[in-house]
Amino acid sequence: MEKKHEATANQRLVHRARNSWSGFLFGVGLVAFIDEAVFHQLLHWHHFYDKSTTAAGLVSDGLFHAFSWFATIASLFMVADLRRRGGWWVKRWIGGVLLGAGAFQLYDGTVQHKLMGLHQIRYGVKIAPYDITWNVLACLMLLIGIMLTWFTRKQGAHHD
């Protein structure tokens, strides 16, 4: 039993980068999906691209949704491979999920919303509280993701 546990711990260390990248992709896909489903479809606050017609906005939403779906599916194929190899490291993977989610949300809130002006979180309201909340949540996810990734860099492979 001890040898099996040691082999799993070694496989986790060997595949730690793959765990992080799989989690990162899943985090990007998850947050993109939540953004698309909640803010684009349910609340109708914006489209991925709001500088044209509603039809163009809907097409951009479809492409955005496809991107989130492909990122999520790719990450789950990586998880399946990691599990097959006995190298799936849940804490490290969750760290990657939070890094991906936070990075995507911060990119969306700064680059897409402000620098490129593709869309805002919401229109017809005082935008500052929305921007602050959006970017603070992104930074919190990044911070927790960094901490989990840091704490699982070597030690901890034996404990999950």
N, C-alpha and C. Protein backbone atom coordinates (compact mmCIF):
# COMPACT_ATOMS: atom_id res chain seq x y z
N MET A 1 0.83 -1.20 0.00
CA MET A 1 0.00 0.00 0.00
C MET A 1 0.87 1.25 0.00
N GLU A 2 1.94 1.24 0.78
CA GLU A 2 2.84 2.39 0.86
C GLU A 2 3.52 2.65 -0.48
N LYS A 3 3.88 1.57 -1.20
CA LYS A 3 4.53 1.74 -2.51
C LYS A 3 3.56 2.38 -3.51
N LYS A 4 2.29 1.98 -3.46
CA LYS A 4 1.30 2.56 -4.36
C LYS A 4 1.15 4.06 -4.06
N HIS A 5 1.09 4.43 -2.79
CA HIS A 5 0.97 5.83 -2.39
C HIS A 5 2.19 6.62 -2.84
N GLU A 6 3.35 6.01 -2.70
CA GLU A 6 4.60 6.67 -3.13
C GLU A 6 4.62 6.84 -4.65
N ALA A 7 4.14 5.82 -5.37
CA ALA A 7 4.10 5.92 -6.83
C ALA A 7 3.16 7.03 -7.27
N THR A 8 2.00 7.16 -6.60
CA THR A 8 1.06 8.24 -6.92
C THR A 8 1.68 9.59 -6.64
N ALA A 9 2.37 9.71 -5.51
CA ALA A 9 3.02 10.98 -5.17
C ALA A 9 4.09 11.33 -6.21
N ASN A 10 4.84 10.35 -6.64
CA ASN A 10 5.86 10.59 -7.68
C ASN A 10 5.22 11.00 -9.00
N GLN A 11 4.13 10.34 -9.37
CA GLN A 11 3.44 10.68 -10.62
C GLN A 11 2.89 12.11 -10.55
N ARG A 12 2.41 12.51 -9.38
CA ARG A 12 1.91 13.87 -9.23
C ARG A 12 3.03 14.87 -9.45
N LEU A 13 4.19 14.58 -8.89
CA LEU A 13 5.32 15.50 -9.07
C LEU A 13 5.76 15.54 -10.53
N VAL A 14 5.78 14.39 -11.18
CA VAL A 14 6.18 14.32 -12.59
C VAL A 14 5.21 15.12 -13.45
N HIS A 15 3.93 15.07 -13.12
CA HIS A 15 2.89 15.70 -13.94
C HIS A 15 2.34 16.99 -13.33
N ARG A 16 3.11 17.63 -12.46
CA ARG A 16 2.58 18.83 -11.81
C ARG A 16 2.28 19.96 -12.80
N ALA A 17 3.10 20.15 -13.82
CA ALA A 17 2.83 21.20 -14.81
C ALA A 17 1.56 20.87 -15.59
N ARG A 18 1.38 19.61 -15.94
CA ARG A 18 0.19 19.20 -16.70
C ARG A 18 -1.07 19.40 -15.85
N ASN A 19 -0.98 19.14 -14.54
CA ASN A 19 -2.10 19.40 -13.64
C ASN A 19 -2.45 20.89 -13.64
N SER A 20 -1.42 21.73 -13.56
CA SER A 20 -1.64 23.17 -13.54
C SER A 20 -2.26 23.66 -14.85
N TRP A 21 -1.74 23.20 -15.97
CA TRP A 21 -2.25 23.64 -17.27
C TRP A 21 -3.67 23.13 -17.51
N SER A 22 -3.95 21.91 -17.10
CA SER A 22 -5.30 21.40 -17.24
C SER A 22 -6.27 22.22 -16.41
N GLY A 23 -5.88 22.51 -15.17
CA GLY A 23 -6.71 23.35 -14.32
C GLY A 23 -6.87 24.75 -14.89
N PHE A 24 -5.79 25.30 -15.42
CA PHE A 24 -5.83 26.64 -16.01
C PHE A 24 -6.84 26.69 -17.15
N LEU A 25 -6.77 25.72 -18.06
CA LEU A 25 -7.73 25.66 -19.17
C LEU A 25 -9.16 25.52 -18.67
N PHE A 26 -9.34 24.69 -17.66
CA PHE A 26 -10.68 24.50 -17.10
C PHE A 26 -11.18 25.81 -16.50
N GLY A 27 -10.31 26.51 -15.78
CA GLY A 27 -10.70 27.79 -15.17
C GLY A 27 -11.09 28.82 -16.21
N VAL A 28 -10.31 28.91 -17.28
CA VAL A 28 -10.63 29.83 -18.37
C VAL A 28 -11.99 29.46 -18.97
N GLY A 29 -12.17 28.17 -19.28
CA GLY A 29 -13.44 27.72 -19.85
C GLY A 29 -14.61 27.93 -18.92
N LEU A 30 -14.42 27.67 -17.63
CA LEU A 30 -15.50 27.81 -16.66
C LEU A 30 -15.94 29.27 -16.53
N VAL A 31 -14.98 30.17 -16.35
CA VAL A 31 -15.34 31.58 -16.18
C VAL A 31 -15.91 32.16 -17.47
N ALA A 32 -15.36 31.75 -18.61
CA ALA A 32 -15.92 32.21 -19.88
C ALA A 32 -17.36 31.71 -20.03
N PHE A 33 -17.61 30.46 -19.64
CA PHE A 33 -18.95 29.91 -19.71
C PHE A 33 -19.91 30.66 -18.79
N ILE A 34 -19.48 30.93 -17.56
CA ILE A 34 -20.33 31.66 -16.62
C ILE A 34 -20.62 33.07 -17.14
N ASP A 35 -19.58 33.73 -17.66
CA ASP A 35 -19.76 35.06 -18.24
C ASP A 35 -20.79 35.00 -19.37
N GLU A 36 -20.61 34.06 -20.26
CA GLU A 36 -21.51 33.92 -21.41
C GLU A 36 -22.93 33.60 -20.96
N ALA A 37 -23.09 32.61 -20.11
CA ALA A 37 -24.43 32.17 -19.70
C ALA A 37 -25.14 33.23 -18.86
N VAL A 38 -24.46 33.79 -17.88
CA VAL A 38 -25.11 34.72 -16.96
C VAL A 38 -25.23 36.13 -17.55
N PHE A 39 -24.11 36.73 -17.92
CA PHE A 39 -24.12 38.15 -18.32
C PHE A 39 -24.57 38.37 -19.76
N HIS A 40 -24.31 37.42 -20.65
CA HIS A 40 -24.71 37.58 -22.04
C HIS A 40 -26.14 37.07 -22.27
N GLN A 41 -26.42 35.85 -21.81
CA GLN A 41 -27.69 35.22 -22.16
C GLN A 41 -28.81 35.49 -21.16
N LEU A 42 -28.55 35.31 -19.88
CA LEU A 42 -29.63 35.45 -18.89
C LEU A 42 -29.95 36.91 -18.56
N LEU A 43 -28.91 37.70 -18.29
CA LEU A 43 -29.14 39.09 -17.89
C LEU A 43 -29.18 40.06 -19.08
N HIS A 44 -28.66 39.65 -20.22
CA HIS A 44 -28.61 40.49 -21.42
C HIS A 44 -27.87 41.80 -21.16
N TRP A 45 -26.79 41.76 -20.37
CA TRP A 45 -26.04 42.97 -20.04
C TRP A 45 -25.13 43.40 -21.19
N HIS A 46 -24.60 42.45 -21.91
CA HIS A 46 -23.71 42.77 -23.02
C HIS A 46 -23.51 41.55 -23.91
N HIS A 47 -22.86 41.78 -25.03
CA HIS A 47 -22.40 40.71 -25.91
C HIS A 47 -20.88 40.72 -25.88
N PHE A 48 -20.27 39.71 -26.44
CA PHE A 48 -18.81 39.70 -26.49
C PHE A 48 -18.30 40.90 -27.28
N TYR A 49 -19.01 41.22 -28.37
CA TYR A 49 -18.62 42.37 -29.19
C TYR A 49 -19.84 43.27 -29.34
N ASP A 50 -19.78 44.45 -28.74
CA ASP A 50 -20.92 45.37 -28.71
C ASP A 50 -20.76 46.58 -29.62
N LYS A 51 -19.79 46.59 -30.51
CA LYS A 51 -19.55 47.76 -31.35
C LYS A 51 -20.21 47.65 -32.72
N SER A 52 -21.20 46.78 -32.84
CA SER A 52 -21.87 46.59 -34.13
C SER A 52 -23.34 46.29 -33.87
N THR A 53 -23.93 45.51 -34.74
CA THR A 53 -25.34 45.16 -34.62
C THR A 53 -25.55 44.05 -33.59
N THR A 54 -26.81 43.88 -33.21
CA THR A 54 -27.16 42.78 -32.30
C THR A 54 -26.79 41.44 -32.92
N ALA A 55 -27.00 41.31 -34.22
CA ALA A 55 -26.66 40.05 -34.91
C ALA A 55 -25.16 39.76 -34.80
N ALA A 56 -24.33 40.78 -34.99
CA ALA A 56 -22.89 40.59 -34.84
C ALA A 56 -22.54 40.22 -33.40
N GLY A 57 -23.24 40.84 -32.46
CA GLY A 57 -23.03 40.51 -31.04
C GLY A 57 -23.38 39.07 -30.74
N LEU A 58 -24.46 38.58 -31.32
CA LEU A 58 -24.86 37.18 -31.10
C LEU A 58 -23.87 36.21 -31.72
N VAL A 59 -23.38 36.53 -32.91
CA VAL A 59 -22.36 35.67 -33.54
C VAL A 59 -21.10 35.66 -32.68
N SER A 60 -20.69 36.82 -32.18
CA SER A 60 -19.50 36.87 -31.33
C SER A 60 -19.72 36.08 -30.05
N ASP A 61 -20.94 36.12 -29.52
CA ASP A 61 -21.25 35.31 -28.34
C ASP A 61 -21.13 33.82 -28.64
N GLY A 62 -21.58 33.41 -29.82
CA GLY A 62 -21.48 32.00 -30.21
C GLY A 62 -20.04 31.54 -30.31
N LEU A 63 -19.20 32.37 -30.91
CA LEU A 63 -17.77 32.03 -31.01
C LEU A 63 -17.13 31.99 -29.63
N PHE A 64 -17.49 32.94 -28.78
CA PHE A 64 -16.99 32.98 -27.40
C PHE A 64 -17.41 31.72 -26.64
N HIS A 65 -18.66 31.32 -26.82
CA HIS A 65 -19.17 30.11 -26.17
C HIS A 65 -18.43 28.87 -26.66
N ALA A 66 -18.17 28.80 -27.96
CA ALA A 66 -17.41 27.67 -28.52
C ALA A 66 -16.01 27.62 -27.92
N PHE A 67 -15.36 28.78 -27.80
CA PHE A 67 -14.04 28.84 -27.18
C PHE A 67 -14.07 28.29 -25.76
N SER A 68 -15.06 28.72 -24.97
CA SER A 68 -15.12 28.25 -23.57
C SER A 68 -15.35 26.74 -23.52
N TRP A 69 -16.19 26.25 -24.41
CA TRP A 69 -16.48 24.81 -24.46
C TRP A 69 -15.24 24.01 -24.83
N PHE A 70 -14.51 24.46 -25.86
CA PHE A 70 -13.30 23.75 -26.28
C PHE A 70 -12.23 23.76 -25.18
N ALA A 71 -12.07 24.87 -24.49
CA ALA A 71 -11.09 24.94 -23.40
C ALA A 71 -11.47 23.96 -22.29
N THR A 72 -12.76 23.90 -21.97
CA THR A 72 -13.22 23.01 -20.91
C THR A 72 -13.03 21.54 -21.30
N ILE A 73 -13.42 21.18 -22.50
CA ILE A 73 -13.29 19.80 -22.96
C ILE A 73 -11.82 19.39 -23.05
N ALA A 74 -10.97 20.26 -23.57
CA ALA A 74 -9.54 19.95 -23.65
C ALA A 74 -8.98 19.68 -22.26
N SER A 75 -9.38 20.49 -21.29
CA SER A 75 -8.87 20.30 -19.93
C SER A 75 -9.34 18.97 -19.35
N LEU A 76 -10.57 18.57 -19.66
CA LEU A 76 -11.08 17.31 -19.12
C LEU A 76 -10.41 16.10 -19.77
N PHE A 77 -10.02 16.22 -21.03
CA PHE A 77 -9.22 15.16 -21.65
C PHE A 77 -7.87 15.05 -20.94
N MET A 78 -7.30 16.19 -20.58
CA MET A 78 -6.02 16.16 -19.85
C MET A 78 -6.20 15.53 -18.48
N VAL A 79 -7.32 15.83 -17.80
CA VAL A 79 -7.59 15.22 -16.49
C VAL A 79 -7.73 13.71 -16.64
N ALA A 80 -8.45 13.27 -17.66
CA ALA A 80 -8.61 11.82 -17.88
C ALA A 80 -7.25 11.16 -18.07
N ASP A 81 -6.37 11.79 -18.83
CA ASP A 81 -5.03 11.25 -19.04
C ASP A 81 -4.23 11.24 -17.73
N LEU A 82 -4.35 12.30 -16.97
CA LEU A 82 -3.65 12.36 -15.67
C LEU A 82 -4.15 11.26 -14.73
N ARG A 83 -5.44 11.05 -14.71
CA ARG A 83 -6.01 9.99 -13.85
C ARG A 83 -5.53 8.62 -14.30
N ARG A 84 -5.48 8.42 -15.62
CA ARG A 84 -5.01 7.14 -16.16
C ARG A 84 -3.57 6.88 -15.74
N ARG A 85 -2.76 7.92 -15.71
CA ARG A 85 -1.36 7.79 -15.33
C ARG A 85 -1.14 7.81 -13.81
N GLY A 86 -2.21 8.01 -13.06
CA GLY A 86 -2.09 8.09 -11.59
C GLY A 86 -1.42 9.39 -11.14
N GLY A 87 -1.54 10.44 -11.95
CA GLY A 87 -0.86 11.69 -11.63
C GLY A 87 -1.75 12.88 -11.41
N TRP A 88 -3.09 12.65 -11.24
CA TRP A 88 -3.97 13.80 -11.02
C TRP A 88 -3.82 14.28 -9.60
N TRP A 89 -3.52 15.56 -9.45
CA TRP A 89 -3.24 16.18 -8.16
C TRP A 89 -4.29 17.25 -7.95
N VAL A 90 -5.33 16.94 -7.20
CA VAL A 90 -6.52 17.77 -7.09
C VAL A 90 -6.19 19.18 -6.59
N LYS A 91 -5.40 19.30 -5.54
CA LYS A 91 -5.09 20.64 -5.01
C LYS A 91 -4.34 21.48 -6.04
N ARG A 92 -3.40 20.88 -6.72
CA ARG A 92 -2.65 21.61 -7.74
C ARG A 92 -3.57 21.98 -8.90
N TRP A 93 -4.45 21.07 -9.27
CA TRP A 93 -5.40 21.32 -10.35
C TRP A 93 -6.34 22.48 -9.97
N ILE A 94 -6.83 22.51 -8.76
CA ILE A 94 -7.71 23.59 -8.31
C ILE A 94 -6.94 24.92 -8.31
N GLY A 95 -5.67 24.87 -7.94
CA GLY A 95 -4.84 26.07 -8.05
C GLY A 95 -4.79 26.56 -9.49
N GLY A 96 -4.65 25.64 -10.42
CA GLY A 96 -4.65 26.00 -11.84
C GLY A 96 -6.00 26.55 -12.28
N VAL A 97 -7.09 25.96 -11.78
CA VAL A 97 -8.43 26.44 -12.11
C VAL A 97 -8.57 27.90 -11.69
N LEU A 98 -8.15 28.19 -10.46
CA LEU A 98 -8.27 29.57 -9.96
C LEU A 98 -7.35 30.52 -10.71
N LEU A 99 -6.17 30.06 -11.09
CA LEU A 99 -5.28 30.90 -11.90
C LEU A 99 -5.90 31.20 -13.27
N GLY A 100 -6.44 30.19 -13.91
CA GLY A 100 -7.07 30.39 -15.21
C GLY A 100 -8.30 31.28 -15.13
N ALA A 101 -9.14 31.03 -14.13
CA ALA A 101 -10.35 31.84 -13.96
C ALA A 101 -10.00 33.29 -13.66
N GLY A 102 -9.07 33.49 -12.73
CA GLY A 102 -8.67 34.85 -12.37
C GLY A 102 -7.97 35.57 -13.50
N ALA A 103 -7.10 34.87 -14.21
CA ALA A 103 -6.38 35.49 -15.33
C ALA A 103 -7.35 35.89 -16.44
N PHE A 104 -8.28 35.00 -16.76
CA PHE A 104 -9.24 35.34 -17.81
C PHE A 104 -10.10 36.52 -17.39
N GLN A 105 -10.59 36.50 -16.16
CA GLN A 105 -11.47 37.57 -15.70
C GLN A 105 -10.73 38.91 -15.63
N LEU A 106 -9.47 38.90 -15.19
CA LEU A 106 -8.70 40.14 -15.14
C LEU A 106 -8.40 40.64 -16.56
N TYR A 107 -8.07 39.73 -17.46
CA TYR A 107 -7.87 40.10 -18.87
C TYR A 107 -9.15 40.70 -19.44
N ASP A 108 -10.27 40.05 -19.19
CA ASP A 108 -11.55 40.53 -19.70
C ASP A 108 -11.86 41.92 -19.13
N GLY A 109 -11.67 42.09 -17.83
CA GLY A 109 -12.01 43.35 -17.19
C GLY A 109 -11.09 44.50 -17.54
N THR A 110 -9.85 44.21 -17.88
CA THR A 110 -8.91 45.29 -18.19
C THR A 110 -8.72 45.47 -19.69
N VAL A 111 -8.37 44.41 -20.38
CA VAL A 111 -8.06 44.53 -21.80
C VAL A 111 -9.33 44.66 -22.64
N GLN A 112 -10.26 43.72 -22.49
CA GLN A 112 -11.46 43.74 -23.33
C GLN A 112 -12.41 44.88 -22.96
N HIS A 113 -12.60 45.12 -21.65
CA HIS A 113 -13.53 46.17 -21.24
C HIS A 113 -12.95 47.56 -21.41
N LYS A 114 -11.71 47.75 -21.01
CA LYS A 114 -11.15 49.12 -20.95
C LYS A 114 -10.23 49.45 -22.13
N LEU A 115 -9.24 48.62 -22.39
CA LEU A 115 -8.27 48.96 -23.44
C LEU A 115 -8.87 48.83 -24.84
N MET A 116 -9.53 47.72 -25.11
CA MET A 116 -10.09 47.50 -26.44
C MET A 116 -11.52 48.03 -26.57
N GLY A 117 -12.20 48.15 -25.44
CA GLY A 117 -13.58 48.65 -25.46
C GLY A 117 -14.55 47.76 -26.21
N LEU A 118 -14.32 46.44 -26.20
CA LEU A 118 -15.22 45.52 -26.92
C LEU A 118 -16.63 45.53 -26.32
N HIS A 119 -16.68 45.63 -25.01
CA HIS A 119 -17.95 45.69 -24.30
C HIS A 119 -17.68 46.15 -22.87
N GLN A 120 -18.73 46.54 -22.18
CA GLN A 120 -18.65 46.83 -20.75
C GLN A 120 -19.41 45.73 -20.03
N ILE A 121 -19.24 45.68 -18.72
CA ILE A 121 -19.98 44.67 -17.96
C ILE A 121 -21.48 44.94 -18.10
N ARG A 122 -21.82 46.22 -17.99
CA ARG A 122 -23.23 46.61 -18.05
C ARG A 122 -23.32 48.04 -18.59
N TYR A 123 -24.42 48.34 -19.21
CA TYR A 123 -24.63 49.67 -19.78
C TYR A 123 -25.75 50.38 -19.04
N GLY A 124 -25.70 51.70 -19.05
CA GLY A 124 -26.76 52.51 -18.47
C GLY A 124 -26.74 52.59 -16.96
N VAL A 125 -25.61 52.25 -16.37
CA VAL A 125 -25.45 52.32 -14.91
C VAL A 125 -24.10 52.95 -14.60
N LYS A 126 -23.90 53.29 -13.35
CA LYS A 126 -22.58 53.74 -12.90
C LYS A 126 -21.66 52.51 -12.93
N ILE A 127 -20.69 52.52 -13.83
CA ILE A 127 -19.91 51.31 -14.13
C ILE A 127 -18.82 51.01 -13.11
N ALA A 128 -18.32 52.00 -12.39
CA ALA A 128 -17.18 51.80 -11.48
C ALA A 128 -17.39 50.67 -10.47
N PRO A 129 -18.53 50.58 -9.78
CA PRO A 129 -18.70 49.45 -8.83
C PRO A 129 -18.62 48.09 -9.50
N TYR A 130 -19.14 47.99 -10.72
CA TYR A 130 -19.08 46.73 -11.45
C TYR A 130 -17.63 46.39 -11.83
N ASP A 131 -16.92 47.39 -12.34
CA ASP A 131 -15.51 47.17 -12.71
C ASP A 131 -14.68 46.77 -11.50
N ILE A 132 -14.87 47.47 -10.39
CA ILE A 132 -14.09 47.18 -9.18
C ILE A 132 -14.39 45.77 -8.69
N THR A 133 -15.66 45.42 -8.61
CA THR A 133 -16.04 44.07 -8.14
C THR A 133 -15.46 43.01 -9.07
N TRP A 134 -15.60 43.21 -10.37
CA TRP A 134 -15.12 42.25 -11.37
C TRP A 134 -13.62 42.01 -11.22
N ASN A 135 -12.86 43.09 -11.13
CA ASN A 135 -11.40 42.97 -11.08
C ASN A 135 -10.88 42.54 -9.72
N VAL A 136 -11.55 42.93 -8.64
CA VAL A 136 -11.15 42.47 -7.31
C VAL A 136 -11.36 40.96 -7.19
N LEU A 137 -12.50 40.47 -7.69
CA LEU A 137 -12.74 39.02 -7.68
C LEU A 137 -11.69 38.29 -8.51
N ALA A 138 -11.32 38.86 -9.64
CA ALA A 138 -10.27 38.26 -10.47
C ALA A 138 -8.96 38.18 -9.70
N CYS A 139 -8.60 39.26 -9.02
CA CYS A 139 -7.34 39.28 -8.26
C CYS A 139 -7.37 38.29 -7.09
N LEU A 140 -8.53 38.15 -6.44
CA LEU A 140 -8.64 37.16 -5.36
C LEU A 140 -8.46 35.74 -5.88
N MET A 141 -9.08 35.44 -7.02
CA MET A 141 -8.90 34.11 -7.60
C MET A 141 -7.44 33.87 -7.96
N LEU A 142 -6.80 34.89 -8.54
CA LEU A 142 -5.38 34.76 -8.88
C LEU A 142 -4.54 34.53 -7.64
N LEU A 143 -4.78 35.29 -6.60
CA LEU A 143 -4.00 35.17 -5.36
C LEU A 143 -4.15 33.79 -4.74
N ILE A 144 -5.37 33.29 -4.64
CA ILE A 144 -5.58 31.96 -4.07
C ILE A 144 -4.97 30.90 -4.97
N GLY A 145 -5.11 31.06 -6.27
CA GLY A 145 -4.51 30.11 -7.22
C GLY A 145 -2.99 30.09 -7.10
N ILE A 146 -2.38 31.25 -6.97
CA ILE A 146 -0.92 31.33 -6.79
C ILE A 146 -0.51 30.64 -5.50
N MET A 147 -1.27 30.87 -4.43
CA MET A 147 -0.94 30.23 -3.15
C MET A 147 -1.05 28.71 -3.25
N LEU A 148 -2.12 28.21 -3.83
CA LEU A 148 -2.26 26.75 -3.96
C LEU A 148 -1.16 26.16 -4.83
N THR A 149 -0.85 26.83 -5.92
CA THR A 149 0.22 26.35 -6.80
C THR A 149 1.56 26.37 -6.08
N TRP A 150 1.82 27.41 -5.34
CA TRP A 150 3.08 27.53 -4.60
C TRP A 150 3.19 26.44 -3.54
N PHE A 151 2.12 26.22 -2.78
CA PHE A 151 2.16 25.23 -1.71
C PHE A 151 2.22 23.80 -2.21
N THR A 152 1.87 23.58 -3.47
CA THR A 152 1.91 22.22 -4.00
C THR A 152 3.09 22.01 -4.94
N ARG A 153 4.06 22.91 -4.91
CA ARG A 153 5.17 22.80 -5.87
C ARG A 153 5.99 21.53 -5.65
N LYS A 154 6.22 21.11 -4.43
CA LYS A 154 6.95 19.86 -4.16
C LYS A 154 6.30 19.10 -3.02
N GLN A 155 6.32 19.70 -1.84
CA GLN A 155 5.71 19.00 -0.72
C GLN A 155 4.21 19.04 -0.87
N GLY A 156 3.55 18.13 -0.28
CA GLY A 156 2.12 18.04 -0.40
C GLY A 156 1.69 17.02 -1.43
N ALA A 157 2.61 16.51 -2.21
CA ALA A 157 2.24 15.50 -3.19
C ALA A 157 1.75 14.24 -2.48
N HIS A 158 2.19 14.07 -1.24
CA HIS A 158 1.77 12.90 -0.48
C HIS A 158 0.40 13.08 0.18
N HIS A 159 -0.04 14.34 0.27
CA HIS A 159 -1.31 14.64 0.93
C HIS A 159 -2.17 15.43 -0.03
N ASP A 160 -3.42 15.01 -0.18
CA ASP A 160 -4.31 15.76 -1.06
C ASP A 160 -5.62 16.02 -0.40
